[in-house]
C-alpha atoms as a PDB file:
ATOM      1  CA  MET A   1     158.483 113.653  79.871  1.00  0.00           C
ATOM      2  CA  ASN A   2     155.809 114.943  77.472  1.00  0.00           C
ATOM      3  CA  GLU A   3     154.436 118.390  78.166  1.00  0.00           C
ATOM      4  CA  PRO A   4     150.697 118.255  78.949  1.00  0.00           C
ATOM      5  CA  ILE A   5     148.388 119.118  76.079  1.00  0.00           C
ATOM      6  CA  GLU A   6     145.750 121.747  76.870  1.00  0.00           C
ATOM      7  CA  LEU A   7     142.238 120.301  76.702  1.00  0.00           C
ATOM      8  CA  ALA A   8     139.104 122.421  77.102  1.00  0.00           C
ATOM      9  CA  TYR A   9     135.704 120.971  77.946  1.00  0.00           C
ATOM     10  CA  SER A  10     132.667 121.797  80.042  1.00  0.00           C
ATOM     11  CA  PRO A  11     132.161 120.868  83.711  1.00  0.00           C
ATOM     12  CA  CYS A  12     128.953 119.076  82.708  1.00  0.00           C
ATOM     13  CA  PRO A  13     128.715 115.440  83.868  1.00  0.00           C
ATOM     14  CA  ASN A  14     128.893 113.918  80.390  1.00  0.00           C
ATOM     15  CA  ASP A  15     132.244 115.595  79.694  1.00  0.00           C
ATOM     16  CA  THR A  16     133.758 114.990  83.123  1.00  0.00           C
ATOM     17  CA  TYR A  17     132.609 111.357  83.014  1.00  0.00           C
ATOM     18  CA  ILE A  18     134.244 110.763  79.637  1.00  0.00           C
ATOM     19  CA  PHE A  19     137.497 112.545  80.454  1.00  0.00           C
ATOM     20  CA  ALA A  20     137.879 111.712  84.163  1.00  0.00           C
ATOM     21  CA  ALA A  21     140.411 108.914  83.735  1.00  0.00           C
ATOM     22  CA  LEU A  22     142.465 110.802  81.158  1.00  0.00           C
ATOM     23  CA  THR A  23     142.420 114.065  83.116  1.00  0.00           C
ATOM     24  CA  ASN A  24     143.373 112.422  86.390  1.00  0.00           C
ATOM     25  CA  GLY A  25     146.220 110.304  85.060  1.00  0.00           C
ATOM     26  CA  LEU A  26     144.449 106.971  85.547  1.00  0.00           C
ATOM     27  CA  LEU A  27     145.442 105.583  82.136  1.00  0.00           C
ATOM     28  CA  ALA A  28     148.758 103.929  81.409  1.00  0.00           C
ATOM     29  CA  ASP A  29     150.694 105.488  78.510  1.00  0.00           C
ATOM     30  CA  ALA A  30     148.057 108.155  77.761  1.00  0.00           C
ATOM     31  CA  PRO A  31     149.269 111.653  76.794  1.00  0.00           C
ATOM     32  CA  PRO A  32     149.103 114.006  79.807  1.00  0.00           C
ATOM     33  CA  VAL A  33     146.551 116.824  79.569  1.00  0.00           C
ATOM     34  CA  ARG A  34     145.915 120.123  81.347  1.00  0.00           C
ATOM     35  CA  VAL A  35     142.226 121.026  81.521  1.00  0.00           C
ATOM     36  CA  ALA A  36     140.313 124.289  81.117  1.00  0.00           C
ATOM     37  CA  TYR A  37     136.623 124.196  82.120  1.00  0.00           C
ATOM     38  CA  LEU A  38     134.382 126.443  80.029  1.00  0.00           C
ATOM     39  CA  ASP A  39     130.698 126.904  79.198  1.00  0.00           C
ATOM     40  CA  ILE A  40     129.745 125.723  75.700  1.00  0.00           C
ATOM     41  CA  ASP A  41     129.484 129.246  74.271  1.00  0.00           C
ATOM     42  CA  GLU A  42     132.901 130.031  75.760  1.00  0.00           C
ATOM     43  CA  LEU A  43     134.258 126.843  74.204  1.00  0.00           C
ATOM     44  CA  ASN A  44     132.928 127.826  70.788  1.00  0.00           C
ATOM     45  CA  ASP A  45     134.375 131.310  71.166  1.00  0.00           C
ATOM     46  CA  SER A  46     137.801 130.097  72.269  1.00  0.00           C
ATOM     47  CA  ALA A  47     137.890 127.627  69.376  1.00  0.00           C
ATOM     48  CA  ALA A  48     137.191 130.481  66.960  1.00  0.00           C
ATOM     49  CA  ARG A  49     140.476 131.944  68.234  1.00  0.00           C
ATOM     50  CA  ALA A  50     142.203 128.521  68.154  1.00  0.00           C
ATOM     51  CA  LEU A  51     143.206 128.908  71.797  1.00  0.00           C
ATOM     52  CA  TYR A  52     143.310 125.244  72.815  1.00  0.00           C
ATOM     53  CA  PRO A  53     144.983 122.326  71.017  1.00  0.00           C
ATOM     54  CA  LEU A  54     142.081 120.086  72.096  1.00  0.00           C
ATOM     55  CA  THR A  55     138.587 121.395  72.725  1.00  0.00           C
ATOM     56  CA  LYS A  56     134.934 120.435  72.989  1.00  0.00           C
ATOM     57  CA  VAL A  57     132.679 122.478  70.684  1.00  0.00           C
ATOM     58  CA  SER A  58     129.166 122.492  69.272  1.00  0.00           C
ATOM     59  CA  TYR A  59     128.664 120.867  65.892  1.00  0.00           C
ATOM     60  CA  GLY A  60     126.966 124.113  64.906  1.00  0.00           C
ATOM     61  CA  ALA A  61     130.315 125.901  65.330  1.00  0.00           C
ATOM     62  CA  ILE A  62     132.510 123.410  63.485  1.00  0.00           C
ATOM     63  CA  PRO A  63     131.927 124.757  59.939  1.00  0.00           C
ATOM     64  CA  TYR A  64     133.627 127.986  61.054  1.00  0.00           C
ATOM     65  CA  LEU A  65     136.594 126.162  62.600  1.00  0.00           C
ATOM     66  CA  THR A  66     137.835 123.764  59.916  1.00  0.00           C
ATOM     67  CA  ARG A  67     140.817 125.934  58.957  1.00  0.00           C
ATOM     68  CA  ASP A  68     142.305 125.342  62.411  1.00  0.00           C
ATOM     69  CA  TYR A  69     140.796 122.053  63.616  1.00  0.00           C
ATOM     70  CA  THR A  70     139.829 118.512  62.693  1.00  0.00           C
ATOM     71  CA  ILE A  71     137.271 116.350  64.525  1.00  0.00           C
ATOM     72  CA  LEU A  72     137.986 113.364  66.745  1.00  0.00           C
ATOM     73  CA  ARG A  73     135.680 110.400  66.306  1.00  0.00           C
ATOM     74  CA  SER A  74     135.518 109.889  70.085  1.00  0.00           C
ATOM     75  CA  GLY A  75     134.473 111.955  73.089  1.00  0.00           C
ATOM     76  CA  GLY A  76     131.524 113.804  71.596  1.00  0.00           C
ATOM     77  CA  ALA A  77     127.791 114.003  72.248  1.00  0.00           C
ATOM     78  CA  LEU A  78     125.517 112.443  69.640  1.00  0.00           C
ATOM     79  CA  GLY A  79     122.440 110.326  70.119  1.00  0.00           C
ATOM     80  CA  ARG A  80     118.685 109.924  70.097  1.00  0.00           C
ATOM     81  CA  GLY A  81     116.139 111.432  72.452  1.00  0.00           C
ATOM     82  CA  CYS A  82     118.689 113.997  73.646  1.00  0.00           C
ATOM     83  CA  GLY A  83     117.936 117.108  71.615  1.00  0.00           C
ATOM     84  CA  PRO A  84     117.463 120.690  72.829  1.00  0.00           C
ATOM     85  CA  LEU A  85     114.032 121.841  73.972  1.00  0.00           C
ATOM     86  CA  VAL A  86     112.160 125.131  73.663  1.00  0.00           C
ATOM     87  CA  VAL A  87     110.229 125.907  76.844  1.00  0.00           C
ATOM     88  CA  ALA A  88     107.881 128.660  78.038  1.00  0.00           C
ATOM     89  CA  ARG A  89     105.448 129.487  80.848  1.00  0.00           C
ATOM     90  CA  PRO A  90     102.117 127.742  80.155  1.00  0.00           C
ATOM     91  CA  GLU A  91     100.099 130.810  81.169  1.00  0.00           C
ATOM     92  CA  ARG A  92     102.049 132.798  78.568  1.00  0.00           C
ATOM     93  CA  VAL A  93     101.707 130.385  75.651  1.00  0.00           C
ATOM     94  CA  SER A  94     100.562 126.827  74.948  1.00  0.00           C
ATOM     95  CA  THR A  95     102.169 126.277  71.536  1.00  0.00           C
ATOM     96  CA  TRP A  96     104.986 127.867  69.564  1.00  0.00           C
ATOM     97  CA  GLU A  97     102.504 129.124  66.980  1.00  0.00           C
ATOM     98  CA  GLU A  98     100.841 131.289  69.627  1.00  0.00           C
ATOM     99  CA  LEU A  99     104.033 133.271  70.256  1.00  0.00           C
ATOM    100  CA  ASP A 100     104.019 136.629  68.505  1.00  0.00           C
ATOM    101  CA  ASP A 101     107.603 137.406  67.429  1.00  0.00           C
ATOM    102  CA  PRO A 102     109.040 136.013  70.669  1.00  0.00           C
ATOM    103  CA  ILE A 103     112.353 136.785  72.309  1.00  0.00           C
ATOM    104  CA  VAL A 104     114.070 133.447  72.813  1.00  0.00           C
ATOM    105  CA  ALA A 105     116.966 132.991  75.216  1.00  0.00           C
ATOM    106  CA  ILE A 106     119.664 130.894  73.522  1.00  0.00           C
ATOM    107  CA  PRO A 107     122.931 129.411  74.851  1.00  0.00           C
ATOM    108  CA  GLY A 108     124.990 130.799  71.953  1.00  0.00           C
ATOM    109  CA  GLU A 109     124.863 131.840  68.304  1.00  0.00           C
ATOM    110  CA  ARG A 110     126.908 128.888  67.071  1.00  0.00           C
ATOM    111  CA  THR A 111     125.498 126.168  69.276  1.00  0.00           C
ATOM    112  CA  THR A 112     123.950 123.161  67.597  1.00  0.00           C
ATOM    113  CA  ALA A 113     120.776 123.991  69.510  1.00  0.00           C
ATOM    114  CA  PHE A 114     120.390 127.340  67.772  1.00  0.00           C
ATOM    115  CA  LEU A 115     121.192 125.845  64.369  1.00  0.00           C
ATOM    116  CA  LEU A 116     118.443 123.266  64.910  1.00  0.00           C
ATOM    117  CA  LEU A 117     115.975 125.907  66.054  1.00  0.00           C
ATOM    118  CA  GLN A 118     116.511 127.923  62.879  1.00  0.00           C
ATOM    119  CA  LEU A 119     116.197 124.810  60.710  1.00  0.00           C
ATOM    120  CA  ALA A 120     112.970 123.748  62.425  1.00  0.00           C
ATOM    121  CA  LEU A 121     111.376 127.205  62.227  1.00  0.00           C
ATOM    122  CA  GLY A 122     112.663 128.029  58.764  1.00  0.00           C
ATOM    123  CA  ARG A 123     113.677 131.449  60.047  1.00  0.00           C
ATOM    124  CA  ARG A 124     115.756 133.209  62.683  1.00  0.00           C
ATOM    125  CA  PRO A 125     113.797 134.301  65.774  1.00  0.00           C
ATOM    126  CA  ARG A 126     114.677 137.271  67.961  1.00  0.00           C
ATOM    127  CA  THR A 127     117.198 136.092  70.517  1.00  0.00           C
ATOM    128  CA  ARG A 128     119.009 136.953  73.702  1.00  0.00           C
ATOM    129  CA  ILE A 129     122.242 135.083  74.468  1.00  0.00           C
ATOM    130  CA  MET A 130     122.867 133.903  78.013  1.00  0.00           C
ATOM    131  CA  ARG A 131     124.617 131.066  79.819  1.00  0.00           C
ATOM    132  CA  PHE A 132     122.690 127.829  79.438  1.00  0.00           C
ATOM    133  CA  ASP A 133     122.149 127.580  83.207  1.00  0.00           C
ATOM    134  CA  ARG A 134     120.458 131.016  83.357  1.00  0.00           C
ATOM    135  CA  ILE A 135     117.874 130.356  80.678  1.00  0.00           C
ATOM    136  CA  VAL A 136     115.251 128.532  82.758  1.00  0.00           C
ATOM    137  CA  ASP A 137     115.253 131.312  85.350  1.00  0.00           C
ATOM    138  CA  ALA A 138     114.943 133.952  82.626  1.00  0.00           C
ATOM    139  CA  VAL A 139     111.875 132.247  81.145  1.00  0.00           C
ATOM    140  CA  ALA A 140     110.271 131.659  84.535  1.00  0.00           C
ATOM    141  CA  SER A 141     110.727 135.307  85.528  1.00  0.00           C
ATOM    142  CA  GLY A 142     109.314 136.652  82.244  1.00  0.00           C
ATOM    143  CA  GLU A 143     112.625 138.213  81.192  1.00  0.00           C
ATOM    144  CA  VAL A 144     112.207 136.377  77.866  1.00  0.00           C
ATOM    145  CA  ASP A 145     109.237 134.747  76.139  1.00  0.00           C
ATOM    146  CA  ALA A 146     110.820 131.331  75.627  1.00  0.00           C
ATOM    147  CA  GLY A 147     114.091 129.536  76.206  1.00  0.00           C
ATOM    148  CA  LEU A 148     116.220 127.133  74.212  1.00  0.00           C
ATOM    149  CA  ILE A 149     117.523 124.717  76.832  1.00  0.00           C
ATOM    150  CA  ILE A 150     120.343 122.162  76.779  1.00  0.00           C
ATOM    151  CA  HIS A 151     122.313 119.992  79.209  1.00  0.00           C
ATOM    152  CA  GLU A 152     120.744 119.311  82.611  1.00  0.00           C
ATOM    153  CA  SER A 153     118.082 122.009  82.139  1.00  0.00           C
ATOM    154  CA  ARG A 154     116.017 119.494  80.210  1.00  0.00           C
ATOM    155  CA  PHE A 155     115.671 117.513  83.473  1.00  0.00           C
ATOM    156  CA  THR A 156     114.781 120.451  85.706  1.00  0.00           C
ATOM    157  CA  TYR A 157     112.667 122.966  83.735  1.00  0.00           C
ATOM    158  CA  GLN A 158     109.340 121.559  84.958  1.00  0.00           C
ATOM    159  CA  ARG A 159     110.289 122.404  88.539  1.00  0.00           C
ATOM    160  CA  PHE A 160     110.051 126.064  87.489  1.00  0.00           C
ATOM    161  CA  GLY A 161     106.505 125.710  86.156  1.00  0.00           C
ATOM    162  CA  LEU A 162     107.584 125.667  82.503  1.00  0.00           C
ATOM    163  CA  HIS A 163     106.381 123.430  79.716  1.00  0.00           C
ATOM    164  CA  GLN A 164     107.806 122.245  76.422  1.00  0.00           C
ATOM    165  CA  LEU A 165     106.914 123.977  73.159  1.00  0.00           C
ATOM    166  CA  LEU A 166     109.341 122.197  70.828  1.00  0.00           C
ATOM    167  CA  ASP A 167     111.534 119.117  71.076  1.00  0.00           C
ATOM    168  CA  LEU A 168     114.199 119.794  68.479  1.00  0.00           C
ATOM    169  CA  GLY A 169     115.712 116.339  68.827  1.00  0.00           C
ATOM    170  CA  ALA A 170     112.377 114.700  68.058  1.00  0.00           C
ATOM    171  CA  TRP A 171     111.936 117.092  65.105  1.00  0.00           C
ATOM    172  CA  TRP A 172     115.387 116.217  63.781  1.00  0.00           C
ATOM    173  CA  GLU A 173     114.939 112.473  64.166  1.00  0.00           C
ATOM    174  CA  SER A 174     111.485 112.441  62.568  1.00  0.00           C
ATOM    175  CA  THR A 175     112.724 114.607  59.699  1.00  0.00           C
ATOM    176  CA  THR A 176     116.005 112.842  58.958  1.00  0.00           C
ATOM    177  CA  GLY A 177     115.875 109.463  60.681  1.00  0.00           C
ATOM    178  CA  ARG A 178     119.345 110.242  62.032  1.00  0.00           C
ATOM    179  CA  PRO A 179     120.691 110.617  65.554  1.00  0.00           C
ATOM    180  CA  ILE A 180     121.367 114.209  66.540  1.00  0.00           C
ATOM    181  CA  PRO A 181     124.958 115.540  66.562  1.00  0.00           C
ATOM    182  CA  LEU A 182     125.374 117.931  69.485  1.00  0.00           C
ATOM    183  CA  GLY A 183     129.057 118.350  70.337  1.00  0.00           C
ATOM    184  CA  ALA A 184     132.487 117.058  69.333  1.00  0.00           C
ATOM    185  CA  ILE A 185     136.121 117.114  70.397  1.00  0.00           C
ATOM    186  CA  LEU A 186     138.452 118.940  68.028  1.00  0.00           C
ATOM    187  CA  ALA A 187     142.225 118.617  67.566  1.00  0.00           C
ATOM    188  CA  ARG A 188     144.089 121.686  66.366  1.00  0.00           C
ATOM    189  CA  ARG A 189     145.868 121.136  63.069  1.00  0.00           C
ATOM    190  CA  ASP A 190     149.290 122.008  64.507  1.00  0.00           C
ATOM    191  CA  LEU A 191     149.157 118.823  66.608  1.00  0.00           C
ATOM    192  CA  ALA A 192     151.190 116.093  64.935  1.00  0.00           C
ATOM    193  CA  PRO A 193     148.822 113.525  63.346  1.00  0.00           C
ATOM    194  CA  GLU A 194     150.185 110.696  65.481  1.00  0.00           C
ATOM    195  CA  ARG A 195     149.577 112.763  68.618  1.00  0.00           C
ATOM    196  CA  ALA A 196     145.997 113.546  67.565  1.00  0.00           C
ATOM    197  CA  ARG A 197     145.399 109.842  66.940  1.00  0.00           C
ATOM    198  CA  ALA A 198     146.889 109.016  70.342  1.00  0.00           C
ATOM    199  CA  ILE A 199     144.473 111.448  71.983  1.00  0.00           C
ATOM    200  CA  ASP A 200     141.544 109.920  70.096  1.00  0.00           C
ATOM    201  CA  ALA A 201     142.537 106.485  71.395  1.00  0.00           C
ATOM    202  CA  ALA A 202     143.087 107.856  74.914  1.00  0.00           C
ATOM    203  CA  VAL A 203     139.572 109.352  74.986  1.00  0.00           C
ATOM    204  CA  ARG A 204     138.103 105.955  74.102  1.00  0.00           C
ATOM    205  CA  SER A 205     140.206 104.351  76.824  1.00  0.00           C
ATOM    206  CA  SER A 206     139.095 107.021  79.298  1.00  0.00           C
ATOM    207  CA  LEU A 207     135.428 106.301  78.645  1.00  0.00           C
ATOM    208  CA  ALA A 208     136.024 102.540  78.812  1.00  0.00           C
ATOM    209  CA  PHE A 209     137.749 103.052  82.188  1.00  0.00           C
ATOM    210  CA  ALA A 210     134.817 105.105  83.494  1.00  0.00           C
ATOM    211  CA  ARG A 211     132.337 102.413  82.516  1.00  0.00           C
ATOM    212  CA  SER A 212     134.420  99.676  84.137  1.00  0.00           C
ATOM    213  CA  ASP A 213     135.245 101.511  87.397  1.00  0.00           C
ATOM    214  CA  GLU A 214     132.773 104.283  88.174  1.00  0.00           C
ATOM    215  CA  ASN A 215     133.829 104.388  91.814  1.00  0.00           C
ATOM    216  CA  ALA A 216     137.197 105.734  90.717  1.00  0.00           C
ATOM    217  CA  ILE A 217     135.844 108.582  88.619  1.00  0.00           C
ATOM    218  CA  MET A 218     132.519 109.665  90.143  1.00  0.00           C
ATOM    219  CA  PRO A 219     134.066 111.868  92.874  1.00  0.00           C
ATOM    220  CA  TYR A 220     135.621 113.943  90.084  1.00  0.00           C
ATOM    221  CA  VAL A 221     132.303 114.116  88.219  1.00  0.00           C
ATOM    222  CA  ARG A 222     130.445 115.191  91.367  1.00  0.00           C
ATOM    223  CA  GLU A 223     133.073 117.811  92.175  1.00  0.00           C
ATOM    224  CA  HIS A 224     132.299 119.627  88.937  1.00  0.00           C
ATOM    225  CA  ALA A 225     128.528 119.077  88.901  1.00  0.00           C
ATOM    226  CA  PHE A 226     127.995 122.120  91.177  1.00  0.00           C
ATOM    227  CA  GLU A 227     124.662 121.811  92.992  1.00  0.00           C
ATOM    228  CA  MET A 228     123.237 119.175  90.652  1.00  0.00           C
ATOM    229  CA  ASP A 229     121.587 116.367  92.583  1.00  0.00           C
ATOM    230  CA  ASP A 230     122.693 112.793  92.000  1.00  0.00           C
ATOM    231  CA  THR A 231     119.543 111.784  90.137  1.00  0.00           C
ATOM    232  CA  VAL A 232     119.914 114.578  87.587  1.00  0.00           C
ATOM    233  CA  MET A 233     123.638 113.923  87.264  1.00  0.00           C
ATOM    234  CA  ARG A 234     123.067 110.233  86.546  1.00  0.00           C
ATOM    235  CA  ALA A 235     120.276 111.004  84.070  1.00  0.00           C
ATOM    236  CA  HIS A 236     122.558 113.498  82.326  1.00  0.00           C
ATOM    237  CA  ILE A 237     125.304 110.914  81.893  1.00  0.00           C
ATOM    238  CA  ALA A 238     122.870 108.221  80.748  1.00  0.00           C
ATOM    239  CA  LEU A 239     121.393 110.522  78.116  1.00  0.00           C
ATOM    240  CA  TYR A 240     124.520 112.079  76.642  1.00  0.00           C
ATOM    241  CA  VAL A 241     127.173 109.351  77.029  1.00  0.00           C
ATOM    242  CA  ASN A 242     126.684 106.348  74.755  1.00  0.00           C
ATOM    243  CA  ASP A 243     128.449 104.206  72.168  1.00  0.00           C
ATOM    244  CA  TYR A 244     128.704 107.198  69.802  1.00  0.00           C
ATOM    245  CA  SER A 245     130.931 108.744  72.473  1.00  0.00           C
ATOM    246  CA  LEU A 246     133.373 105.878  71.900  1.00  0.00           C
ATOM    247  CA  ASP A 247     133.252 106.216  68.135  1.00  0.00           C
ATOM    248  CA  LEU A 248     130.841 107.984  65.829  1.00  0.00           C
ATOM    249  CA  GLY A 249     130.723 105.063  63.424  1.00  0.00           C
ATOM    250  CA  ASP A 250     129.088 105.236  60.022  1.00  0.00           C
ATOM    251  CA  GLU A 251     125.709 106.289  61.416  1.00  0.00           C
ATOM    252  CA  GLY A 252     127.243 109.140  63.373  1.00  0.00           C
ATOM    253  CA  LEU A 253     129.268 110.345  60.406  1.00  0.00           C
ATOM    254  CA  ALA A 254     126.126 110.314  58.253  1.00  0.00           C
ATOM    255  CA  ALA A 255     124.266 112.345  60.905  1.00  0.00           C
ATOM    256  CA  VAL A 256     126.997 115.002  60.903  1.00  0.00           C
ATOM    257  CA  ASP A 257     126.915 115.179  57.106  1.00  0.00           C
ATOM    258  CA  ALA A 258     123.112 115.548  57.199  1.00  0.00           C
ATOM    259  CA  LEU A 259     123.293 118.411  59.716  1.00  0.00           C
ATOM    260  CA  PHE A 260     125.864 120.315  57.678  1.00  0.00           C
ATOM    261  CA  GLU A 261     123.988 119.709  54.420  1.00  0.00           C
ATOM    262  CA  ARG A 262     120.742 121.068  55.837  1.00  0.00           C
ATOM    263  CA  GLY A 263     122.548 124.029  57.338  1.00  0.00           C
ATOM    264  CA  ARG A 264     124.171 124.825  53.982  1.00  0.00           C
ATOM    265  CA  ASN A 265     120.914 124.443  52.056  1.00  0.00           C
ATOM    266  CA  ALA A 266     119.128 126.781  54.495  1.00  0.00           C
ATOM    267  CA  GLY A 267     121.823 129.416  54.076  1.00  0.00           C
ATOM    268  CA  ILE A 268     122.697 129.262  57.780  1.00  0.00           C
ATOM    269  CA  LEU A 269     126.085 127.552  57.448  1.00  0.00           C
ATOM    270  CA  PRO A 270     128.837 128.509  54.974  1.00  0.00           C
ATOM    271  CA  SER A 271     128.401 127.010  51.506  1.00  0.00           C
ATOM    272  CA  ASP A 272     131.617 125.013  51.915  1.00  0.00           C
ATOM    273  CA  ALA A 273     130.750 123.632  55.377  1.00  0.00           C
ATOM    274  CA  LYS A 274     132.142 120.110  55.588  1.00  0.00           C
ATOM    275  CA  ALA A 275     133.294 117.823  58.381  1.00  0.00           C
ATOM    276  CA  ALA A 276     137.025 117.022  58.479  1.00  0.00           C
ATOM    277  CA  PHE A 277     138.045 114.182  60.821  1.00  0.00           C
ATOM    278  CA  VAL A 278     141.392 113.147  62.274  1.00  0.00           C
ATOM    279  CA  LEU A 279     142.761 110.433  59.982  1.00  0.00           C
END
């Protein structure tokens, strides 16, 4: 019997939806996996230390990880209308331009969200790193001037009296015409190529299973969605899980290349930043 392969991803509904069938042994002939659930900044940090053979990461982190990892074409988060937002209290500021050298809460230095923020602003703002699910509270309480929000926070920030200053997905799409690459699944280079390809195929099968039999996988998704209500959970899945999650395709590959090229040209990413995919 094959030893389970360690797989790290977030407890967010898009990840648990995609991986539910694979994680819970619902697929015939799929490689067994053992899961670690981590926040996105923790995922990026653990990948920098090559801790897990398979791991979800931000596209903004990948240029620093190519010595140890290659990218799967399946299982990631890439799309349109799903980009990070910058939010603030309306009584504090109406537009980004009104902020005077703001402190912005960010979900991590090497998140795609922070890369996009720097590209859009043309500079690096002052930042404070915190877990993505703390950022809305920190903005609402005045602990920081603005917050860079991702995941389900984009569905809930208005409940806290906040408003949107920047939609970085809309900025990216209007600037490049491309969908926005947010996160990907990486395979460590010490995995045999045939095993990495088998995992890539298993992830596609896992998502296909979820779409065909949601009743079998939604209890698992709900279990890891913490206190998220069903409406937000469903909106989260609908926004972040799409056909690019099955396979990036040519359009997705071009979007990744565009992100890395702009990051290199802005001096944010290493000059040799390039995407390397499982062949």
